[in-house]
Amino acid sequence: MEEFVLYNSHLEIKPFKTKFITKKFINFLNDKKVNQFLTTKKKKQSLPSAKSYYLKMKKEKNLYHGIFDRKKNKIIGTITLRKKNFKTSYVGIMIGDRKYQGTKYTSNALNVYLDHAFRLLGFKFVEAGVHKHNLSSAFFFHMNGFKFNKKERNILFLTLSQKKFIKNISYKFKPESQK
């Protein structure tokens, strides 16, 4: 899949780069409030471990993007899209800067990314996995149109179909090659 940049008046979603892996980014990953429901919560993250994850995502041809406050040009989180099969992908979102959690940035980033996944990448379904105790995340996905699909161990899976997706945000797209 070709890399791309998505943006609107207040956020920019751009392909993740190793230069985004800074001490501040590592602090996001190690913040107990931020990572309490991440699969990496039990392992202290470092510059090498974050770089290793980035390289793994790239090798597997998953989409891994940084979410930026466009006015301040600072990274506030990440969003990923992993292809499950030709019709379905998994989405993951992490807002590491707590000042931005629960704000318009989170929903806007998700909606921009989903619109791109459905319209331009051709996915029919997007699935999100949420820890069963992460009620705020489950509520967030529900409020963005996702419906409960199944539970496996401690993970709730919520799914959104292209048919049920309601685009409620405008943004612009450009291939990363056109910086």
Foldseek 3Di string as FASTA:
>chain_A
DFFKWKFDDWKIKGFDDLVLLDPLVLCLCQPCVQCVFPPCNVPRDDSVNVVVVSVVCVVQVKTKIFMAGVVVRHTQWIKIWADPDLAEIEIDITGSNVVCPPHPSVLVVVLRVVCCCCPPVPHFKYKYKTFQVPVVVVVSVVVQPWAFDDDDDRITMTMHGPVRGDRDDDIDMDGPVVD
